[in-house]
Amino acid sequence: QAGHNLGLLHDGKGSQELFDGTSIFNSSLTWAPIMGHALGAQITQFSSGKYNNATNRQDDFSILETLLGSAVDESNRLNPSPVVLNQGET
């Protein structure tokens, strides 16, 4: 488990050690923290525990950025804005 090797802790909720996610905007989409139980969720991300009854307020992304650094945005622009693609471009 790479997250543990980098110092990340489990993300739980209430009495759950591993938070298994929640539905998003009353839809069939589900979200879960990567350091929780995210296997069945359509959307996952590193978490800072900003959900109700979170048991871990550790800022996963900040820890990863400190340990691994960050990369410059591939667009290399200071003020990013949407890029318009012409039909057939990828």
N, C-alpha and C. Protein backbone atom coordinates (compact mmCIF):
# COMPACT_ATOMS: atom_id res chain seq x y z
N GLN A 1 0.84 -1.17 0.00
CA GLN A 1 0.00 0.00 0.00
C GLN A 1 0.89 1.24 0.00
N ALA A 2 1.01 1.82 -1.15
CA ALA A 2 1.92 2.96 -1.34
C ALA A 2 1.61 4.13 -0.42
N GLY A 3 0.33 4.41 -0.19
CA GLY A 3 -0.04 5.53 0.67
C GLY A 3 0.55 5.41 2.06
N HIS A 4 0.52 4.22 2.64
CA HIS A 4 1.09 4.01 3.97
C HIS A 4 2.60 4.20 3.95
N ASN A 5 3.26 3.76 2.88
CA ASN A 5 4.71 3.93 2.77
C ASN A 5 5.11 5.40 2.71
N LEU A 6 4.17 6.26 2.31
CA LEU A 6 4.43 7.70 2.23
C LEU A 6 3.88 8.45 3.44
N GLY A 7 3.43 7.73 4.45
CA GLY A 7 2.98 8.36 5.69
C GLY A 7 1.50 8.69 5.76
N LEU A 8 0.71 8.22 4.81
CA LEU A 8 -0.72 8.52 4.83
C LEU A 8 -1.46 7.52 5.71
N LEU A 9 -2.50 8.00 6.38
CA LEU A 9 -3.31 7.19 7.27
C LEU A 9 -4.65 6.89 6.62
N HIS A 10 -5.37 5.91 7.16
CA HIS A 10 -6.70 5.57 6.65
C HIS A 10 -7.67 6.73 6.84
N ASP A 11 -8.58 6.88 5.89
CA ASP A 11 -9.68 7.84 5.99
C ASP A 11 -10.94 7.08 6.37
N GLY A 12 -11.45 7.37 7.55
CA GLY A 12 -12.65 6.72 8.03
C GLY A 12 -13.78 7.72 8.19
N LYS A 13 -14.90 7.21 8.67
CA LYS A 13 -16.06 8.08 8.93
C LYS A 13 -16.80 7.48 10.12
N GLY A 14 -16.97 8.30 11.16
CA GLY A 14 -17.66 7.82 12.36
C GLY A 14 -16.95 6.60 12.92
N SER A 15 -17.68 5.50 13.02
CA SER A 15 -17.08 4.28 13.57
C SER A 15 -16.42 3.40 12.50
N GLN A 16 -16.53 3.80 11.22
CA GLN A 16 -15.89 3.05 10.13
C GLN A 16 -14.41 3.40 10.04
N GLU A 17 -13.54 2.39 10.11
CA GLU A 17 -12.12 2.67 9.95
C GLU A 17 -11.81 3.10 8.52
N LEU A 18 -12.50 2.50 7.55
CA LEU A 18 -12.31 2.81 6.14
C LEU A 18 -13.63 3.33 5.57
N PHE A 19 -13.67 4.60 5.22
CA PHE A 19 -14.89 5.18 4.66
C PHE A 19 -15.09 4.65 3.25
N ASP A 20 -16.26 4.06 3.01
CA ASP A 20 -16.51 3.43 1.70
C ASP A 20 -17.25 4.32 0.73
N GLY A 21 -17.37 5.60 1.03
CA GLY A 21 -17.88 6.55 0.06
C GLY A 21 -19.30 6.99 0.29
N THR A 22 -19.72 7.87 -0.59
CA THR A 22 -21.05 8.45 -0.51
C THR A 22 -21.54 8.78 -1.91
N SER A 23 -22.86 8.89 -2.05
CA SER A 23 -23.39 9.26 -3.36
C SER A 23 -23.19 10.76 -3.56
N ILE A 24 -23.12 11.17 -4.80
CA ILE A 24 -22.87 12.57 -5.15
C ILE A 24 -24.13 13.17 -5.73
N PHE A 25 -24.58 14.26 -5.11
CA PHE A 25 -25.73 15.02 -5.63
C PHE A 25 -26.93 14.14 -5.93
N ASN A 26 -27.23 13.22 -5.03
CA ASN A 26 -28.39 12.33 -5.18
C ASN A 26 -28.40 11.59 -6.52
N SER A 27 -27.22 11.21 -6.98
CA SER A 27 -27.13 10.47 -8.25
C SER A 27 -26.60 9.07 -7.98
N SER A 28 -26.36 8.33 -9.03
CA SER A 28 -25.78 6.99 -8.87
C SER A 28 -24.25 7.05 -8.77
N LEU A 29 -23.66 8.24 -8.95
CA LEU A 29 -22.21 8.38 -8.82
C LEU A 29 -21.82 8.31 -7.36
N THR A 30 -20.69 7.68 -7.09
CA THR A 30 -20.19 7.65 -5.71
C THR A 30 -18.76 8.17 -5.66
N TRP A 31 -18.44 8.77 -4.51
CA TRP A 31 -17.10 9.30 -4.24
C TRP A 31 -16.57 8.62 -3.00
N ALA A 32 -15.27 8.36 -2.98
CA ALA A 32 -14.62 7.82 -1.79
C ALA A 32 -13.17 8.30 -1.75
N PRO A 33 -12.61 8.47 -0.55
CA PRO A 33 -11.21 8.83 -0.44
C PRO A 33 -10.31 7.63 -0.78
N ILE A 34 -9.20 7.89 -1.44
CA ILE A 34 -8.28 6.82 -1.83
C ILE A 34 -7.80 6.04 -0.61
N MET A 35 -7.56 6.72 0.51
CA MET A 35 -7.08 6.04 1.71
C MET A 35 -8.23 5.49 2.55
N GLY A 36 -9.43 5.48 1.99
CA GLY A 36 -10.57 4.82 2.60
C GLY A 36 -10.77 3.49 1.91
N HIS A 37 -12.02 3.15 1.63
CA HIS A 37 -12.34 1.93 0.91
C HIS A 37 -12.96 2.35 -0.42
N ALA A 38 -12.12 2.67 -1.39
CA ALA A 38 -12.56 3.32 -2.63
C ALA A 38 -12.80 2.37 -3.80
N LEU A 39 -12.74 1.08 -3.57
CA LEU A 39 -12.80 0.13 -4.69
C LEU A 39 -14.05 0.23 -5.54
N GLY A 40 -15.22 0.48 -4.97
CA GLY A 40 -16.44 0.52 -5.75
C GLY A 40 -16.85 1.90 -6.22
N ALA A 41 -16.10 2.92 -5.85
CA ALA A 41 -16.49 4.30 -6.16
C ALA A 41 -16.07 4.68 -7.58
N GLN A 42 -16.93 5.45 -8.25
CA GLN A 42 -16.59 5.93 -9.59
C GLN A 42 -15.60 7.09 -9.54
N ILE A 43 -15.63 7.86 -8.46
CA ILE A 43 -14.73 9.01 -8.31
C ILE A 43 -13.95 8.84 -7.03
N THR A 44 -12.62 8.90 -7.12
CA THR A 44 -11.78 8.80 -5.93
C THR A 44 -10.75 9.91 -5.97
N GLN A 45 -10.29 10.31 -4.79
CA GLN A 45 -9.25 11.34 -4.72
C GLN A 45 -8.60 11.28 -3.35
N PHE A 46 -7.42 11.87 -3.27
CA PHE A 46 -6.80 12.02 -1.97
C PHE A 46 -7.64 13.02 -1.19
N SER A 47 -7.70 12.84 0.12
CA SER A 47 -8.63 13.59 0.94
C SER A 47 -7.92 14.35 2.05
N SER A 48 -8.57 15.41 2.52
CA SER A 48 -8.10 16.10 3.72
C SER A 48 -9.16 16.01 4.81
N GLY A 49 -10.06 15.05 4.69
CA GLY A 49 -11.07 14.81 5.71
C GLY A 49 -12.15 15.86 5.78
N LYS A 50 -12.45 16.49 4.66
CA LYS A 50 -13.48 17.53 4.64
C LYS A 50 -14.84 16.94 4.27
N TYR A 51 -15.26 15.95 5.01
CA TYR A 51 -16.59 15.38 4.88
C TYR A 51 -17.10 15.11 6.29
N ASN A 52 -18.41 15.01 6.44
CA ASN A 52 -19.02 14.86 7.77
C ASN A 52 -18.48 13.64 8.50
N ASN A 53 -18.15 13.83 9.77
CA ASN A 53 -17.70 12.77 10.67
C ASN A 53 -16.41 12.09 10.24
N ALA A 54 -15.55 12.82 9.53
CA ALA A 54 -14.26 12.26 9.11
C ALA A 54 -13.42 11.94 10.34
N THR A 55 -12.72 10.82 10.30
CA THR A 55 -11.87 10.43 11.43
C THR A 55 -10.41 10.83 11.21
N ASN A 56 -10.09 11.35 10.03
CA ASN A 56 -8.72 11.72 9.72
C ASN A 56 -8.72 13.02 8.93
N ARG A 57 -8.15 14.05 9.50
CA ARG A 57 -8.08 15.36 8.84
C ARG A 57 -6.71 15.60 8.20
N GLN A 58 -5.94 14.53 8.02
CA GLN A 58 -4.63 14.62 7.40
C GLN A 58 -4.79 15.06 5.94
N ASP A 59 -4.02 16.05 5.51
CA ASP A 59 -4.09 16.55 4.13
C ASP A 59 -3.18 15.69 3.25
N ASP A 60 -3.77 14.65 2.65
CA ASP A 60 -2.99 13.69 1.86
C ASP A 60 -2.20 14.37 0.75
N PHE A 61 -2.85 15.25 0.01
CA PHE A 61 -2.20 15.89 -1.13
C PHE A 61 -1.00 16.72 -0.69
N SER A 62 -1.14 17.45 0.39
CA SER A 62 -0.04 18.27 0.89
C SER A 62 1.16 17.40 1.29
N ILE A 63 0.88 16.29 1.93
CA ILE A 63 1.95 15.37 2.33
C ILE A 63 2.65 14.81 1.10
N LEU A 64 1.88 14.39 0.12
CA LEU A 64 2.47 13.84 -1.11
C LEU A 64 3.30 14.89 -1.85
N GLU A 65 2.78 16.12 -1.90
CA GLU A 65 3.52 17.19 -2.58
C GLU A 65 4.84 17.48 -1.87
N THR A 66 4.83 17.48 -0.55
CA THR A 66 6.05 17.72 0.22
C THR A 66 7.08 16.63 -0.03
N LEU A 67 6.64 15.38 -0.05
CA LEU A 67 7.56 14.26 -0.24
C LEU A 67 8.01 14.07 -1.68
N LEU A 68 7.08 14.26 -2.62
CA LEU A 68 7.36 13.92 -4.01
C LEU A 68 7.57 15.13 -4.92
N GLY A 69 7.24 16.32 -4.41
CA GLY A 69 7.33 17.52 -5.23
C GLY A 69 6.12 17.64 -6.14
N SER A 70 6.14 18.65 -6.97
CA SER A 70 5.05 18.83 -7.92
C SER A 70 5.63 19.14 -9.29
N ALA A 71 4.85 18.91 -10.30
CA ALA A 71 5.29 19.14 -11.67
C ALA A 71 4.65 20.42 -12.20
N VAL A 72 5.33 21.06 -13.12
CA VAL A 72 4.77 22.22 -13.78
C VAL A 72 3.64 21.77 -14.68
N ASP A 73 2.58 22.54 -14.73
CA ASP A 73 1.45 22.22 -15.61
C ASP A 73 1.97 22.10 -17.04
N GLU A 74 1.53 21.06 -17.73
CA GLU A 74 2.03 20.82 -19.09
C GLU A 74 1.71 21.94 -20.06
N SER A 75 0.72 22.76 -19.75
CA SER A 75 0.40 23.89 -20.63
C SER A 75 1.38 25.04 -20.40
N ASN A 76 2.05 25.02 -19.23
CA ASN A 76 3.09 26.00 -18.91
C ASN A 76 2.56 27.44 -18.93
N ARG A 77 1.31 27.64 -18.54
CA ARG A 77 0.72 28.97 -18.50
C ARG A 77 0.49 29.38 -17.06
N LEU A 78 0.70 30.67 -16.75
CA LEU A 78 0.48 31.15 -15.40
C LEU A 78 -1.01 31.32 -15.09
N ASN A 79 -1.80 31.71 -16.05
CA ASN A 79 -3.23 31.90 -15.86
C ASN A 79 -3.98 30.95 -16.79
N PRO A 80 -4.15 29.71 -16.36
CA PRO A 80 -4.77 28.73 -17.25
C PRO A 80 -6.21 29.08 -17.60
N SER A 81 -6.55 28.83 -18.82
CA SER A 81 -7.92 28.97 -19.29
C SER A 81 -8.19 27.79 -20.21
N PRO A 82 -9.45 27.51 -20.49
CA PRO A 82 -9.75 26.37 -21.35
C PRO A 82 -9.09 26.48 -22.72
N VAL A 83 -8.67 25.36 -23.25
CA VAL A 83 -8.07 25.31 -24.58
C VAL A 83 -9.13 24.78 -25.54
N VAL A 84 -9.36 25.49 -26.62
CA VAL A 84 -10.34 25.07 -27.61
C VAL A 84 -9.66 24.10 -28.57
N LEU A 85 -10.25 22.92 -28.71
CA LEU A 85 -9.72 21.94 -29.65
C LEU A 85 -10.58 21.96 -30.90
N ASN A 86 -9.95 21.92 -32.05
CA ASN A 86 -10.69 21.82 -33.30
C ASN A 86 -11.10 20.37 -33.50
N GLN A 87 -12.16 20.19 -34.26
CA GLN A 87 -12.65 18.82 -34.49
C GLN A 87 -11.53 17.97 -35.06
N GLY A 88 -11.37 16.80 -34.52
CA GLY A 88 -10.33 15.88 -34.96
C GLY A 88 -9.05 15.99 -34.17
N GLU A 89 -8.87 17.03 -33.36
CA GLU A 89 -7.66 17.15 -32.52
C GLU A 89 -7.84 16.36 -31.26
N THR A 90 -6.75 15.90 -30.74
CA THR A 90 -6.78 15.24 -29.43
C THR A 90 -5.68 15.78 -28.56
